[in-house]
Amino acid sequence: MAYRFDLIDLQLFLHVAEAGSITHGARSSNMTLASASERIRAMEVALGAPLLTRKRRGVELTPMGSVLVQHAQRVTQQLEQMRGELGSYARGLRGHIRLLSNTVGMLEYLPEALAAFLFANPNVDVDLEERPSPEIVRAIAAGRADIGIVAGTVDPAAELETFPFRENLLVLVVPRGHVLSRRRQVSFSLALEHDFVGLGAGSALQEYVNQQAQRTGQRLKVRLRLSSFDLICHMVESGIGIAVVPEAAARRWQRSMSIRAVPLTDAWAVRHLTTCFRSLKSLPPHARRLVEFLRPRT
């Protein structure tokens, strides 16, 4: 009996291709590794050729695997288009949006916006993932996600549509009474003489701050890693170290904690967040509604 590809197969293969790993692809698809491996083997047998090249660290697409990814992307995009267009007629049909964001967008600005959007759109679900901005742009351009929130401008070569999302300023947070708390502003190179509290190693913002430290020829001494800006500010208050956080978060927690936000003199501390997507016309209706929802209100 001929093997028939289904949507689960295609979505699994897209997850594996994006992660470069069957293990991570299976996890993203909520499957066991054994089940995912068996599905991919069945697909390869049906096609009569390998889709993946297995290596010691992950997998790579074969030429046939690359072709399958392109078709799988088209099929899943058409499915979302169908869901969006039929959603207003079929009460039980749910739409799905894949949204990628950098750290600041995800932790600081999207929670409130998404809460309001999801309340107004009860038949739409959003998969939100944190990624570094360059990776987000590549994923959107390749059709692996619908909408992205990135820092800075988007390379025109990516051929994406964009609009401004928010303006974000990074500041240094220090305990009151700290030697740097008396300064009106401070350079990052001077701050690097002190211990830091930071986000987890996989955080896009933490990677960005680490890169700025490397450019000065110094090392960022992170004594403690946490998952949110409020926890970071609590630990700064306790004297464990200082931290780089968005100004909005620093000002908010400064009201109730014994901390102070000190502006950084470095140009990289000023960041403009941008919303990007391949094309408004190509998005499913529910994703277009989210794009419009994220536009700055004038």
Protein backbone atom coordinates (compact mmCIF):
# COMPACT_ATOMS: atom_id res chain seq x y z
CA MET A 1 0.00 0.00 0.00
CA ALA A 2 1.38 3.41 -0.96
CA TYR A 3 2.32 5.75 1.86
CA ARG A 4 0.27 8.95 1.93
CA PHE A 5 1.71 12.13 3.35
CA ASP A 6 -0.54 13.96 5.81
CA LEU A 7 -0.34 17.38 7.42
CA ILE A 8 1.31 15.93 10.52
CA ASP A 9 4.11 14.57 8.32
CA LEU A 10 4.61 17.89 6.58
CA GLN A 11 4.56 19.95 9.77
CA LEU A 12 6.98 17.53 11.41
CA PHE A 13 9.36 17.77 8.47
CA LEU A 14 9.23 21.58 8.55
CA HIS A 15 10.08 21.54 12.27
CA VAL A 16 12.97 19.14 11.69
CA ALA A 17 14.29 21.19 8.77
CA GLU A 18 14.14 24.43 10.75
CA ALA A 19 15.79 22.97 13.85
CA GLY A 20 18.36 20.91 11.93
CA SER A 21 17.55 18.10 14.35
CA ILE A 22 15.03 15.25 14.43
CA THR A 23 15.05 15.40 18.24
CA HIS A 24 14.17 19.10 18.36
CA GLY A 25 11.73 18.76 15.47
CA ALA A 26 9.92 15.95 17.30
CA ARG A 27 9.71 18.08 20.44
CA SER A 28 8.24 21.01 18.49
CA SER A 29 5.68 18.61 16.99
CA ASN A 30 4.81 17.10 20.40
CA MET A 31 6.03 13.66 19.29
CA THR A 32 8.39 11.10 20.68
CA LEU A 33 11.73 10.78 18.90
CA ALA A 34 10.87 7.21 17.88
CA SER A 35 7.55 8.25 16.33
CA ALA A 36 9.11 11.18 14.47
CA SER A 37 11.98 9.04 13.15
CA GLU A 38 9.57 6.38 11.93
CA ARG A 39 7.43 8.95 10.09
CA ILE A 40 10.46 10.43 8.33
CA ARG A 41 11.75 6.97 7.38
CA ALA A 42 8.31 6.12 5.93
CA MET A 43 8.37 9.33 3.88
CA GLU A 44 11.83 8.48 2.53
CA VAL A 45 10.77 4.94 1.64
CA ALA A 46 7.69 6.26 -0.16
CA LEU A 47 9.79 8.71 -2.17
CA GLY A 48 12.58 6.24 -2.80
CA ALA A 49 15.30 8.67 -1.74
CA PRO A 50 16.68 10.20 1.48
CA LEU A 51 15.27 13.53 2.65
CA LEU A 52 17.91 14.14 5.32
CA THR A 53 21.61 13.57 5.70
CA ARG A 54 22.24 12.33 9.26
CA LYS A 55 25.32 13.78 10.91
CA ARG A 56 26.86 13.59 14.38
CA ARG A 57 25.26 16.90 15.29
CA GLY A 58 21.86 17.06 13.71
CA VAL A 59 20.68 16.66 10.13
CA GLU A 60 20.89 18.53 6.82
CA LEU A 61 18.40 18.59 3.96
CA THR A 62 19.16 16.62 0.82
CA PRO A 63 18.16 18.22 -2.50
CA MET A 64 14.89 16.27 -2.38
CA GLY A 65 14.41 17.37 1.24
CA SER A 66 14.74 21.01 0.18
CA VAL A 67 12.07 20.52 -2.47
CA LEU A 68 9.77 18.89 0.07
CA VAL A 69 10.23 21.84 2.45
CA GLN A 70 9.13 24.25 -0.27
CA HIS A 71 5.98 22.25 -0.99
CA ALA A 72 5.24 21.71 2.71
CA GLN A 73 5.46 25.44 3.31
CA ARG A 74 2.99 26.11 0.51
CA VAL A 75 0.56 23.50 1.81
CA THR A 76 0.62 24.78 5.40
CA GLN A 77 0.29 28.39 4.22
CA GLN A 78 -2.71 27.48 2.07
CA LEU A 79 -4.25 25.67 5.02
CA GLU A 80 -3.91 28.79 7.18
CA GLN A 81 -5.37 30.86 4.34
CA MET A 82 -8.33 28.50 4.23
CA ARG A 83 -8.80 28.63 7.98
CA GLY A 84 -8.75 32.40 7.93
CA GLU A 85 -11.23 32.72 5.07
CA LEU A 86 -13.63 30.11 6.47
CA GLY A 87 -13.23 31.14 10.09
CA SER A 88 -16.02 33.70 9.97
CA TYR A 89 -18.43 31.00 8.72
CA ALA A 90 -17.31 27.96 10.72
CA ARG A 91 -17.40 28.65 14.44
CA GLY A 92 -15.22 25.67 15.38
CA LEU A 93 -12.48 26.30 12.80
CA ARG A 94 -9.43 27.80 14.51
CA GLY A 95 -6.73 29.94 12.96
CA HIS A 96 -3.05 29.67 13.94
CA ILE A 97 -0.42 32.40 13.73
CA ARG A 98 3.28 31.79 14.21
CA LEU A 99 4.87 34.90 15.69
CA LEU A 100 8.61 35.28 16.32
CA SER A 101 10.04 38.06 18.48
CA ASN A 102 13.27 39.25 20.00
CA THR A 103 13.55 39.28 23.81
CA VAL A 104 12.40 42.84 24.46
CA GLY A 105 9.39 42.59 22.18
CA MET A 106 8.30 39.32 23.76
CA LEU A 107 8.78 40.27 27.41
CA GLU A 108 8.01 43.98 27.37
CA TYR A 109 5.54 44.87 24.61
CA LEU A 110 3.74 41.81 23.24
CA PRO A 111 2.00 40.48 26.40
CA GLU A 112 -0.45 43.38 26.59
CA ALA A 113 -0.97 43.58 22.82
CA LEU A 114 -1.54 39.83 22.43
CA ALA A 115 -3.91 39.67 25.40
CA ALA A 116 -6.16 42.26 23.76
CA PHE A 117 -5.90 40.61 20.31
CA LEU A 118 -6.70 37.11 21.58
CA PHE A 119 -9.64 38.41 23.60
CA ALA A 120 -11.03 40.02 20.44
CA ASN A 121 -10.29 36.92 18.32
CA PRO A 122 -11.35 33.85 20.34
CA ASN A 123 -10.92 31.43 17.38
CA VAL A 124 -7.29 32.34 16.77
CA ASP A 125 -4.26 30.79 18.52
CA VAL A 126 -0.75 32.28 18.48
CA ASP A 127 2.52 30.36 18.74
CA LEU A 128 5.04 32.87 20.10
CA GLU A 129 8.76 32.06 20.10
CA GLU A 130 11.81 34.10 21.06
CA ARG A 131 14.59 34.25 18.46
CA PRO A 132 17.52 36.55 17.61
CA SER A 133 16.54 39.20 15.07
CA PRO A 134 18.68 37.89 12.13
CA GLU A 135 17.19 34.42 12.59
CA ILE A 136 13.67 35.88 12.65
CA VAL A 137 14.24 37.68 9.33
CA ARG A 138 15.49 34.45 7.72
CA ALA A 139 12.52 32.48 9.05
CA ILE A 140 9.97 35.02 7.80
CA ALA A 141 11.64 35.23 4.37
CA ALA A 142 11.64 31.43 4.10
CA GLY A 143 7.96 31.20 5.07
CA ARG A 144 8.61 29.37 8.35
CA ALA A 145 6.68 31.96 10.36
CA ASP A 146 4.00 34.56 9.69
CA ILE A 147 5.08 37.70 11.56
CA GLY A 148 8.31 38.81 13.23
CA ILE A 149 9.30 41.50 15.73
CA VAL A 150 12.97 42.41 15.27
CA ALA A 151 15.43 45.03 16.45
CA GLY A 152 16.70 47.52 13.90
CA THR A 153 16.02 47.75 10.20
CA VAL A 154 15.42 44.74 7.96
CA ASP A 155 17.84 44.06 5.11
CA PRO A 156 16.06 45.03 1.85
CA ALA A 157 17.47 41.86 0.28
CA ALA A 158 15.06 39.85 2.42
CA GLU A 159 12.18 41.44 0.45
CA LEU A 160 9.90 41.76 3.48
CA GLU A 161 7.24 44.33 4.26
CA THR A 162 7.84 46.23 7.49
CA PHE A 163 6.58 48.99 9.74
CA PRO A 164 7.82 50.45 13.05
CA PHE A 165 6.63 48.61 16.16
CA ARG A 166 8.14 50.33 19.21
CA GLU A 167 11.22 52.35 20.17
CA ASN A 168 13.29 50.76 22.90
CA LEU A 169 16.13 52.23 24.95
CA LEU A 170 18.45 49.98 26.93
CA VAL A 171 19.72 51.31 30.25
CA LEU A 172 21.98 50.16 33.04
CA VAL A 173 20.23 49.21 36.28
CA VAL A 174 22.28 49.51 39.48
CA PRO A 175 21.46 49.38 43.21
CA ARG A 176 20.98 52.73 44.91
CA GLY A 177 24.26 53.62 46.58
CA HIS A 178 26.29 51.76 43.93
CA VAL A 179 29.36 53.63 42.68
CA LEU A 180 27.69 54.04 39.26
CA SER A 181 24.36 55.24 40.67
CA ARG A 182 25.74 58.76 41.10
CA ARG A 183 26.48 59.13 37.38
CA ARG A 184 24.08 60.87 34.99
CA GLN A 185 25.16 58.45 32.26
CA VAL A 186 27.80 55.77 31.84
CA SER A 187 29.64 53.96 29.06
CA PHE A 188 29.21 50.21 28.76
CA SER A 189 32.98 49.67 28.80
CA LEU A 190 33.14 51.24 32.27
CA ALA A 191 30.18 49.18 33.48
CA LEU A 192 31.98 45.99 32.38
CA GLU A 193 34.33 46.36 35.34
CA HIS A 194 31.43 45.13 37.54
CA ASP A 195 29.52 41.86 37.95
CA PHE A 196 26.26 41.47 36.02
CA VAL A 197 22.88 39.82 36.38
CA GLY A 198 21.50 38.71 33.01
CA LEU A 199 18.98 36.68 31.07
CA GLY A 200 19.47 33.03 30.12
CA ALA A 201 22.17 32.11 27.63
CA GLY A 202 19.58 31.47 24.90
CA SER A 203 18.06 34.94 25.18
CA ALA A 204 18.31 37.11 22.07
CA LEU A 205 18.87 40.25 24.17
CA GLN A 206 21.57 38.55 26.24
CA GLU A 207 23.37 37.48 23.07
CA TYR A 208 23.19 41.07 21.83
CA VAL A 209 24.66 42.45 25.08
CA ASN A 210 27.37 39.77 25.04
CA GLN A 211 28.32 40.85 21.51
CA GLN A 212 28.71 44.48 22.63
CA ALA A 213 31.03 43.37 25.43
CA GLN A 214 33.13 41.35 22.98
CA ARG A 215 33.50 44.38 20.72
CA THR A 216 35.14 46.28 23.57
CA GLY A 217 37.61 43.43 24.05
CA GLN A 218 36.20 42.66 27.49
CA ARG A 219 34.14 39.85 28.97
CA LEU A 220 30.69 40.20 30.48
CA LYS A 221 30.86 38.70 33.98
CA VAL A 222 27.36 37.30 34.51
CA ARG A 223 27.01 35.97 38.08
CA LEU A 224 23.34 35.02 37.83
CA ARG A 225 20.97 34.28 34.92
CA LEU A 226 17.21 34.72 35.20
CA SER A 227 14.13 34.56 32.99
CA SER A 228 12.51 38.00 33.35
CA PHE A 229 13.32 41.68 33.83
CA ASP A 230 11.47 41.93 37.15
CA LEU A 231 13.55 39.10 38.64
CA ILE A 232 16.71 40.72 37.30
CA CYS A 233 15.81 44.03 38.95
CA HIS A 234 15.12 42.24 42.25
CA MET A 235 18.57 40.66 42.17
CA VAL A 236 20.22 43.96 41.23
CA GLU A 237 18.50 45.51 44.25
CA SER A 238 19.98 42.76 46.45
CA GLY A 239 23.50 43.71 45.29
CA ILE A 240 24.39 40.61 43.26
CA GLY A 241 25.30 42.67 40.21
CA ILE A 242 24.15 45.30 37.71
CA ALA A 243 22.15 44.70 34.52
CA VAL A 244 21.17 46.00 31.07
CA VAL A 245 17.38 46.12 30.68
CA PRO A 246 14.82 48.10 28.64
CA GLU A 247 14.20 51.58 30.03
CA ALA A 248 10.45 50.93 30.34
CA ALA A 249 11.07 47.95 32.64
CA ALA A 250 13.69 49.83 34.64
CA ARG A 251 11.42 52.83 35.20
CA ARG A 252 8.52 50.59 36.20
CA TRP A 253 10.46 48.64 38.81
CA GLN A 254 12.40 51.67 40.01
CA ARG A 255 9.18 52.92 41.65
CA SER A 256 9.06 50.01 44.10
CA MET A 257 12.71 48.91 44.36
CA SER A 258 15.90 50.48 45.59
CA ILE A 259 17.46 50.63 42.13
CA ARG A 260 18.38 53.35 39.67
CA ALA A 261 18.33 53.42 35.87
CA VAL A 262 21.47 55.01 34.42
CA PRO A 263 21.47 55.89 30.68
CA LEU A 264 24.18 54.29 28.55
CA THR A 265 26.24 56.55 26.29
CA ASP A 266 26.67 53.83 23.65
CA ALA A 267 24.80 54.22 20.35
CA TRP A 268 23.81 50.53 20.32
CA ALA A 269 21.62 51.12 23.41
CA VAL A 270 19.00 52.85 21.23
CA ARG A 271 17.03 50.19 19.39
CA HIS A 272 14.02 50.49 17.10
CA LEU A 273 11.73 47.46 17.02
CA THR A 274 10.23 46.58 13.65
CA THR A 275 7.34 44.34 12.60
CA CYS A 276 8.11 42.29 9.48
CA PHE A 277 6.22 39.83 7.26
CA ARG A 278 6.56 38.62 3.69
CA SER A 279 3.53 40.41 2.30
CA LEU A 280 0.26 41.56 3.77
CA LYS A 281 -1.68 40.09 0.85
CA SER A 282 -0.15 36.63 1.30
CA LEU A 283 -1.01 36.39 5.01
CA PRO A 284 -4.17 34.58 6.15
CA PRO A 285 -6.93 36.99 7.26
CA HIS A 286 -6.40 36.30 10.97
CA ALA A 287 -2.66 37.04 10.61
CA ARG A 288 -3.46 40.25 8.72
CA ARG A 289 -5.68 41.27 11.63
CA LEU A 290 -2.79 40.78 14.04
CA VAL A 291 -0.47 42.83 11.80
CA GLU A 292 -2.95 45.70 11.83
CA PHE A 293 -3.38 45.29 15.58
CA LEU A 294 0.38 45.69 16.10
CA ARG A 295 0.65 48.92 14.13
CA PRO A 296 1.55 51.93 16.30
CA ARG A 297 -1.47 53.99 17.27
CA THR A 298 -1.10 57.66 16.32
